[in-house]
Amino acid sequence: MNSDKLLQQVAFIHEIDKLKYIQRKTRLFNSDRRENDAEHSWHLALMALTLAEHANEPVDTLKVLKMLLIHDLVEIDSGDVFLYDTIINHDNTVAERKAAERIFGLLPEKQAKEFIAIWEEFETGDTPEARFAHSMDRFEPILQNASNQGGTWTEYNVPYDTVIQKTRKIEHGSAVIWDFAEKLIDDGVDKGYIKKTGDL
């Protein structure tokens, strides 16, 4: 047994426990409690297992699960960026790149390279797996907000155009799920949770 390798892997496991302390803006279904990043990643993984048949293209489900379980680990260092933030870009920040190199760098070199490659593939979003993983990442907050009388849509007064702009990438991974999500968004408009430009 390579004890040095095991020690590196255990150090990584200790480090990623910090994900449980990263709070997100969105709340659990039908709840006032904010979700943490570890709960988010777990939920996305189970969503992907459940909904993979609705992907636009055949996907390697194991790779999708890997993406969803590691994609937010960088937020241990960089913090969660609110999806609807209009100042900080949600994707591909310098801080996240630096965090990826530090956190995955705790692992043995071969494993570190594998995890970074999976994280990069998710960030780039150019493969069927990455597109479907992004669909899950955008779909979950819609379900949460719909269950919480508008959730972050109403709390942060997010306009309709911004909601659509930030969530439309769902359709690149699953047209079926986007159709469902769009109906939830439209229902949010009808209930007054989301305001269209003319209504602001």
C-alpha atoms as a PDB file:
ATOM      1  CA  MET A   1       0.000   0.000   0.000  1.00  0.00           C
ATOM      2  CA  ASN A   2       1.264   3.470  -0.878  1.00  0.00           C
ATOM      3  CA  SER A   3       0.787   5.303   2.419  1.00  0.00           C
ATOM      4  CA  ASP A   4       1.764   8.696   0.952  1.00  0.00           C
ATOM      5  CA  LYS A   5      -0.930   8.381  -1.720  1.00  0.00           C
ATOM      6  CA  LEU A   6      -3.534   7.428   0.875  1.00  0.00           C
ATOM      7  CA  LEU A   7      -2.530  10.348   3.088  1.00  0.00           C
ATOM      8  CA  GLN A   8      -2.981  12.744   0.155  1.00  0.00           C
ATOM      9  CA  GLN A   9      -6.421  11.296  -0.607  1.00  0.00           C
ATOM     10  CA  VAL A  10      -7.492  11.529   3.046  1.00  0.00           C
ATOM     11  CA  ALA A  11      -6.269  15.143   3.177  1.00  0.00           C
ATOM     12  CA  PHE A  12      -8.476  15.882   0.153  1.00  0.00           C
ATOM     13  CA  ILE A  13     -11.433  14.175   1.839  1.00  0.00           C
ATOM     14  CA  HIS A  14     -10.917  16.325   4.939  1.00  0.00           C
ATOM     15  CA  GLU A  15     -10.702  19.483   2.819  1.00  0.00           C
ATOM     16  CA  ILE A  16     -13.887  18.869   0.847  1.00  0.00           C
ATOM     17  CA  ASP A  17     -15.892  18.527   4.064  1.00  0.00           C
ATOM     18  CA  LYS A  18     -15.781  22.337   4.038  1.00  0.00           C
ATOM     19  CA  LEU A  19     -18.303  22.286   1.178  1.00  0.00           C
ATOM     20  CA  LYS A  20     -20.988  21.576   3.780  1.00  0.00           C
ATOM     21  CA  TYR A  21     -20.426  25.069   5.204  1.00  0.00           C
ATOM     22  CA  ILE A  22     -20.815  26.992   1.928  1.00  0.00           C
ATOM     23  CA  GLN A  23     -24.303  28.483   1.979  1.00  0.00           C
ATOM     24  CA  ARG A  24     -26.246  29.130  -1.196  1.00  0.00           C
ATOM     25  CA  LYS A  25     -28.929  31.749  -1.748  1.00  0.00           C
ATOM     26  CA  THR A  26     -31.556  29.161  -2.674  1.00  0.00           C
ATOM     27  CA  ARG A  27     -33.618  27.409  -0.023  1.00  0.00           C
ATOM     28  CA  LEU A  28     -34.563  23.776   0.394  1.00  0.00           C
ATOM     29  CA  PHE A  29     -37.887  22.727  -1.096  1.00  0.00           C
ATOM     30  CA  ASN A  30     -40.784  24.218   0.880  1.00  0.00           C
ATOM     31  CA  SER A  31     -38.398  25.563   3.494  1.00  0.00           C
ATOM     32  CA  ASP A  32     -36.868  28.720   4.939  1.00  0.00           C
ATOM     33  CA  ARG A  33     -33.455  27.040   5.365  1.00  0.00           C
ATOM     34  CA  ARG A  34     -30.788  27.859   2.829  1.00  0.00           C
ATOM     35  CA  GLU A  35     -29.174  24.966   0.987  1.00  0.00           C
ATOM     36  CA  ASN A  36     -25.465  24.311   1.366  1.00  0.00           C
ATOM     37  CA  ASP A  37     -23.193  23.360  -1.527  1.00  0.00           C
ATOM     38  CA  ALA A  38     -22.819  19.729  -0.455  1.00  0.00           C
ATOM     39  CA  GLU A  39     -26.605  19.292  -0.381  1.00  0.00           C
ATOM     40  CA  HIS A  40     -26.806  20.943  -3.775  1.00  0.00           C
ATOM     41  CA  SER A  41     -24.218  18.587  -5.291  1.00  0.00           C
ATOM     42  CA  TRP A  42     -25.895  15.516  -3.794  1.00  0.00           C
ATOM     43  CA  HIS A  43     -29.291  16.592  -5.092  1.00  0.00           C
ATOM     44  CA  LEU A  44     -27.966  17.253  -8.606  1.00  0.00           C
ATOM     45  CA  ALA A  45     -26.334  13.813  -8.703  1.00  0.00           C
ATOM     46  CA  LEU A  46     -29.612  12.094  -7.804  1.00  0.00           C
ATOM     47  CA  MET A  47     -31.481  14.274 -10.287  1.00  0.00           C
ATOM     48  CA  ALA A  48     -29.077  13.219 -13.040  1.00  0.00           C
ATOM     49  CA  LEU A  49     -29.525   9.532 -12.200  1.00  0.00           C
ATOM     50  CA  THR A  50     -33.284   9.985 -12.265  1.00  0.00           C
ATOM     51  CA  LEU A  51     -33.563  12.189 -15.365  1.00  0.00           C
ATOM     52  CA  ALA A  52     -30.733  10.953 -17.623  1.00  0.00           C
ATOM     53  CA  GLU A  53     -33.218   9.444 -20.077  1.00  0.00           C
ATOM     54  CA  HIS A  54     -34.318  12.990 -20.950  1.00  0.00           C
ATOM     55  CA  ALA A  55     -30.867  14.148 -22.095  1.00  0.00           C
ATOM     56  CA  ASN A  56     -30.775  15.377 -25.690  1.00  0.00           C
ATOM     57  CA  GLU A  57     -27.933  12.960 -26.439  1.00  0.00           C
ATOM     58  CA  PRO A  58     -26.783   9.691 -24.865  1.00  0.00           C
ATOM     59  CA  VAL A  59     -24.561  10.499 -21.884  1.00  0.00           C
ATOM     60  CA  ASP A  60     -22.018   8.663 -19.757  1.00  0.00           C
ATOM     61  CA  THR A  61     -23.948   8.913 -16.496  1.00  0.00           C
ATOM     62  CA  LEU A  62     -20.902   8.187 -14.337  1.00  0.00           C
ATOM     63  CA  LYS A  63     -19.065  11.118 -15.894  1.00  0.00           C
ATOM     64  CA  VAL A  64     -22.098  13.357 -15.330  1.00  0.00           C
ATOM     65  CA  LEU A  65     -22.147  12.285 -11.664  1.00  0.00           C
ATOM     66  CA  LYS A  66     -18.451  13.070 -11.306  1.00  0.00           C
ATOM     67  CA  MET A  67     -19.017  16.544 -12.752  1.00  0.00           C
ATOM     68  CA  LEU A  68     -21.939  17.277 -10.471  1.00  0.00           C
ATOM     69  CA  LEU A  69     -20.173  16.037  -7.348  1.00  0.00           C
ATOM     70  CA  ILE A  70     -16.960  18.010  -7.913  1.00  0.00           C
ATOM     71  CA  HIS A  71     -18.011  21.110  -9.886  1.00  0.00           C
ATOM     72  CA  ASP A  72     -18.693  23.248  -6.817  1.00  0.00           C
ATOM     73  CA  LEU A  73     -15.705  22.139  -4.719  1.00  0.00           C
ATOM     74  CA  VAL A  74     -13.906  25.274  -5.908  1.00  0.00           C
ATOM     75  CA  GLU A  75     -16.426  27.308  -3.915  1.00  0.00           C
ATOM     76  CA  ILE A  76     -14.632  26.195  -0.732  1.00  0.00           C
ATOM     77  CA  ASP A  77     -12.168  28.950  -1.643  1.00  0.00           C
ATOM     78  CA  SER A  78     -14.094  31.218  -4.002  1.00  0.00           C
ATOM     79  CA  GLY A  79     -17.507  31.120  -2.303  1.00  0.00           C
ATOM     80  CA  ASP A  80     -20.868  30.646  -3.964  1.00  0.00           C
ATOM     81  CA  VAL A  81     -21.713  33.092  -6.734  1.00  0.00           C
ATOM     82  CA  PHE A  82     -25.444  33.727  -6.959  1.00  0.00           C
ATOM     83  CA  LEU A  83     -26.775  32.563 -10.322  1.00  0.00           C
ATOM     84  CA  TYR A  84     -28.614  35.850 -10.923  1.00  0.00           C
ATOM     85  CA  ASP A  85     -25.744  38.100  -9.833  1.00  0.00           C
ATOM     86  CA  THR A  86     -25.398  40.926 -12.360  1.00  0.00           C
ATOM     87  CA  ILE A  87     -21.930  42.022 -11.229  1.00  0.00           C
ATOM     88  CA  ILE A  88     -19.931  38.803 -10.758  1.00  0.00           C
ATOM     89  CA  ASN A  89     -19.917  36.331 -13.641  1.00  0.00           C
ATOM     90  CA  HIS A  90     -21.174  32.928 -12.501  1.00  0.00           C
ATOM     91  CA  ASP A  91     -18.868  30.993 -14.822  1.00  0.00           C
ATOM     92  CA  ASN A  92     -15.128  30.579 -15.315  1.00  0.00           C
ATOM     93  CA  THR A  93     -13.765  33.028 -12.777  1.00  0.00           C
ATOM     94  CA  VAL A  94     -10.056  33.407 -12.052  1.00  0.00           C
ATOM     95  CA  ALA A  95     -10.781  32.673  -8.388  1.00  0.00           C
ATOM     96  CA  GLU A  96     -12.359  29.335  -9.270  1.00  0.00           C
ATOM     97  CA  ARG A  97      -9.383  28.325 -11.418  1.00  0.00           C
ATOM     98  CA  LYS A  98      -6.997  29.092  -8.576  1.00  0.00           C
ATOM     99  CA  ALA A  99      -9.225  27.149  -6.172  1.00  0.00           C
ATOM    100  CA  ALA A 100      -9.356  24.129  -8.486  1.00  0.00           C
ATOM    101  CA  GLU A 101      -5.595  23.964  -8.672  1.00  0.00           C
ATOM    102  CA  ARG A 102      -5.232  24.176  -4.892  1.00  0.00           C
ATOM    103  CA  ILE A 103      -8.023  21.788  -3.862  1.00  0.00           C
ATOM    104  CA  PHE A 104      -7.538  19.106  -6.502  1.00  0.00           C
ATOM    105  CA  GLY A 105      -3.791  19.579  -6.078  1.00  0.00           C
ATOM    106  CA  LEU A 106      -4.101  17.925  -2.663  1.00  0.00           C
ATOM    107  CA  LEU A 107      -4.665  14.625  -4.482  1.00  0.00           C
ATOM    108  CA  PRO A 108      -1.974  12.387  -5.988  1.00  0.00           C
ATOM    109  CA  GLU A 109      -0.886  13.867  -9.323  1.00  0.00           C
ATOM    110  CA  LYS A 110      -2.735  11.439 -11.616  1.00  0.00           C
ATOM    111  CA  GLN A 111      -5.987  11.799  -9.708  1.00  0.00           C
ATOM    112  CA  ALA A 112      -5.578  15.568  -9.474  1.00  0.00           C
ATOM    113  CA  LYS A 113      -5.226  15.813 -13.258  1.00  0.00           C
ATOM    114  CA  GLU A 114      -8.327  13.643 -13.754  1.00  0.00           C
ATOM    115  CA  PHE A 115     -10.458  15.764 -11.414  1.00  0.00           C
ATOM    116  CA  ILE A 116      -9.247  19.029 -12.913  1.00  0.00           C
ATOM    117  CA  ALA A 117     -10.009  17.694 -16.413  1.00  0.00           C
ATOM    118  CA  ILE A 118     -13.553  16.756 -15.347  1.00  0.00           C
ATOM    119  CA  TRP A 119     -14.025  20.173 -13.705  1.00  0.00           C
ATOM    120  CA  GLU A 120     -12.736  21.909 -16.865  1.00  0.00           C
ATOM    121  CA  GLU A 121     -15.057  19.844 -19.064  1.00  0.00           C
ATOM    122  CA  PHE A 122     -18.012  20.928 -16.942  1.00  0.00           C
ATOM    123  CA  GLU A 123     -16.938  24.566 -17.035  1.00  0.00           C
ATOM    124  CA  THR A 124     -16.454  24.550 -20.808  1.00  0.00           C
ATOM    125  CA  GLY A 125     -19.794  22.829 -21.368  1.00  0.00           C
ATOM    126  CA  ASP A 126     -18.912  21.446 -24.790  1.00  0.00           C
ATOM    127  CA  THR A 127     -19.707  17.735 -24.315  1.00  0.00           C
ATOM    128  CA  PRO A 128     -23.080  15.970 -23.996  1.00  0.00           C
ATOM    129  CA  GLU A 129     -22.229  15.145 -20.374  1.00  0.00           C
ATOM    130  CA  ALA A 130     -21.330  18.730 -19.531  1.00  0.00           C
ATOM    131  CA  ARG A 131     -24.438  20.088 -21.236  1.00  0.00           C
ATOM    132  CA  PHE A 132     -26.666  17.700 -19.301  1.00  0.00           C
ATOM    133  CA  ALA A 133     -24.838  18.424 -16.035  1.00  0.00           C
ATOM    134  CA  HIS A 134     -25.418  22.150 -16.611  1.00  0.00           C
ATOM    135  CA  SER A 135     -29.100  21.405 -17.190  1.00  0.00           C
ATOM    136  CA  MET A 136     -29.326  19.816 -13.748  1.00  0.00           C
ATOM    137  CA  ASP A 137     -27.417  22.711 -12.161  1.00  0.00           C
ATOM    138  CA  ARG A 138     -29.872  25.249 -13.584  1.00  0.00           C
ATOM    139  CA  PHE A 139     -33.009  23.147 -13.111  1.00  0.00           C
ATOM    140  CA  GLU A 140     -32.730  22.547  -9.367  1.00  0.00           C
ATOM    141  CA  PRO A 141     -33.023  26.250  -8.343  1.00  0.00           C
ATOM    142  CA  ILE A 142     -36.118  26.600 -10.543  1.00  0.00           C
ATOM    143  CA  LEU A 143     -37.750  23.707  -8.690  1.00  0.00           C
ATOM    144  CA  GLN A 144     -36.710  25.242  -5.365  1.00  0.00           C
ATOM    145  CA  ASN A 145     -38.040  28.687  -6.213  1.00  0.00           C
ATOM    146  CA  ALA A 146     -41.297  27.266  -7.528  1.00  0.00           C
ATOM    147  CA  SER A 147     -41.773  25.433  -4.200  1.00  0.00           C
ATOM    148  CA  ASN A 148     -41.005  28.563  -2.146  1.00  0.00           C
ATOM    149  CA  GLN A 149     -43.429  31.162  -3.518  1.00  0.00           C
ATOM    150  CA  GLY A 150     -40.789  32.501  -5.879  1.00  0.00           C
ATOM    151  CA  GLY A 151     -37.803  32.033  -3.579  1.00  0.00           C
ATOM    152  CA  THR A 152     -34.800  34.004  -4.825  1.00  0.00           C
ATOM    153  CA  TRP A 153     -36.787  35.350  -7.774  1.00  0.00           C
ATOM    154  CA  THR A 154     -38.927  37.434  -5.430  1.00  0.00           C
ATOM    155  CA  GLU A 155     -36.315  37.937  -2.687  1.00  0.00           C
ATOM    156  CA  TYR A 156     -33.892  39.569  -5.136  1.00  0.00           C
ATOM    157  CA  ASN A 157     -36.510  40.925  -7.553  1.00  0.00           C
ATOM    158  CA  VAL A 158     -34.997  39.035 -10.501  1.00  0.00           C
ATOM    159  CA  PRO A 159     -36.689  40.137 -13.753  1.00  0.00           C
ATOM    160  CA  TYR A 160     -38.086  37.656 -16.256  1.00  0.00           C
ATOM    161  CA  ASP A 161     -35.467  38.379 -18.929  1.00  0.00           C
ATOM    162  CA  THR A 162     -32.653  37.601 -16.475  1.00  0.00           C
ATOM    163  CA  VAL A 163     -34.314  34.374 -15.334  1.00  0.00           C
ATOM    164  CA  ILE A 164     -34.614  33.198 -18.935  1.00  0.00           C
ATOM    165  CA  GLN A 165     -31.089  34.305 -19.861  1.00  0.00           C
ATOM    166  CA  LYS A 166     -29.542  32.443 -16.910  1.00  0.00           C
ATOM    167  CA  THR A 167     -31.563  29.247 -17.243  1.00  0.00           C
ATOM    168  CA  ARG A 168     -32.055  28.764 -20.986  1.00  0.00           C
ATOM    169  CA  LYS A 169     -28.892  26.658 -21.234  1.00  0.00           C
ATOM    170  CA  ILE A 170     -31.023  23.861 -19.778  1.00  0.00           C
ATOM    171  CA  GLU A 171     -32.322  23.246 -23.302  1.00  0.00           C
ATOM    172  CA  HIS A 172     -28.792  22.505 -24.584  1.00  0.00           C
ATOM    173  CA  GLY A 173     -28.733  19.458 -22.317  1.00  0.00           C
ATOM    174  CA  SER A 174     -32.412  18.532 -22.362  1.00  0.00           C
ATOM    175  CA  ALA A 175     -35.177  20.084 -24.429  1.00  0.00           C
ATOM    176  CA  VAL A 176     -37.724  18.060 -22.445  1.00  0.00           C
ATOM    177  CA  ILE A 177     -36.556  19.448 -19.104  1.00  0.00           C
ATOM    178  CA  TRP A 178     -36.347  22.980 -20.501  1.00  0.00           C
ATOM    179  CA  ASP A 179     -39.958  22.740 -21.664  1.00  0.00           C
ATOM    180  CA  PHE A 180     -40.940  21.706 -18.135  1.00  0.00           C
ATOM    181  CA  ALA A 181     -38.777  24.414 -16.546  1.00  0.00           C
ATOM    182  CA  GLU A 182     -40.128  27.122 -18.826  1.00  0.00           C
ATOM    183  CA  LYS A 183     -43.657  26.248 -17.754  1.00  0.00           C
ATOM    184  CA  LEU A 184     -42.602  26.663 -14.106  1.00  0.00           C
ATOM    185  CA  ILE A 185     -41.075  30.050 -14.932  1.00  0.00           C
ATOM    186  CA  ASP A 186     -44.226  31.139 -16.778  1.00  0.00           C
ATOM    187  CA  ASP A 187     -46.273  29.983 -13.789  1.00  0.00           C
ATOM    188  CA  GLY A 188     -43.995  32.131 -11.615  1.00  0.00           C
ATOM    189  CA  VAL A 189     -44.860  35.111 -13.819  1.00  0.00           C
ATOM    190  CA  ASP A 190     -48.579  34.359 -13.560  1.00  0.00           C
ATOM    191  CA  LYS A 191     -48.331  34.201  -9.762  1.00  0.00           C
ATOM    192  CA  GLY A 192     -46.383  37.450  -9.576  1.00  0.00           C
ATOM    193  CA  TYR A 193     -43.114  35.865  -8.417  1.00  0.00           C
ATOM    194  CA  ILE A 194     -41.282  37.075 -11.528  1.00  0.00           C
ATOM    195  CA  LYS A 195     -41.864  40.463 -13.126  1.00  0.00           C
ATOM    196  CA  LYS A 196     -41.670  41.133 -16.831  1.00  0.00           C
ATOM    197  CA  THR A 197     -40.100  44.450 -17.899  1.00  0.00           C
ATOM    198  CA  GLY A 198     -43.404  46.213 -18.409  1.00  0.00           C
ATOM    199  CA  ASP A 199     -44.574  45.153 -14.945  1.00  0.00           C
ATOM    200  CA  LEU A 200     -41.567  46.518 -13.013  1.00  0.00           C
END
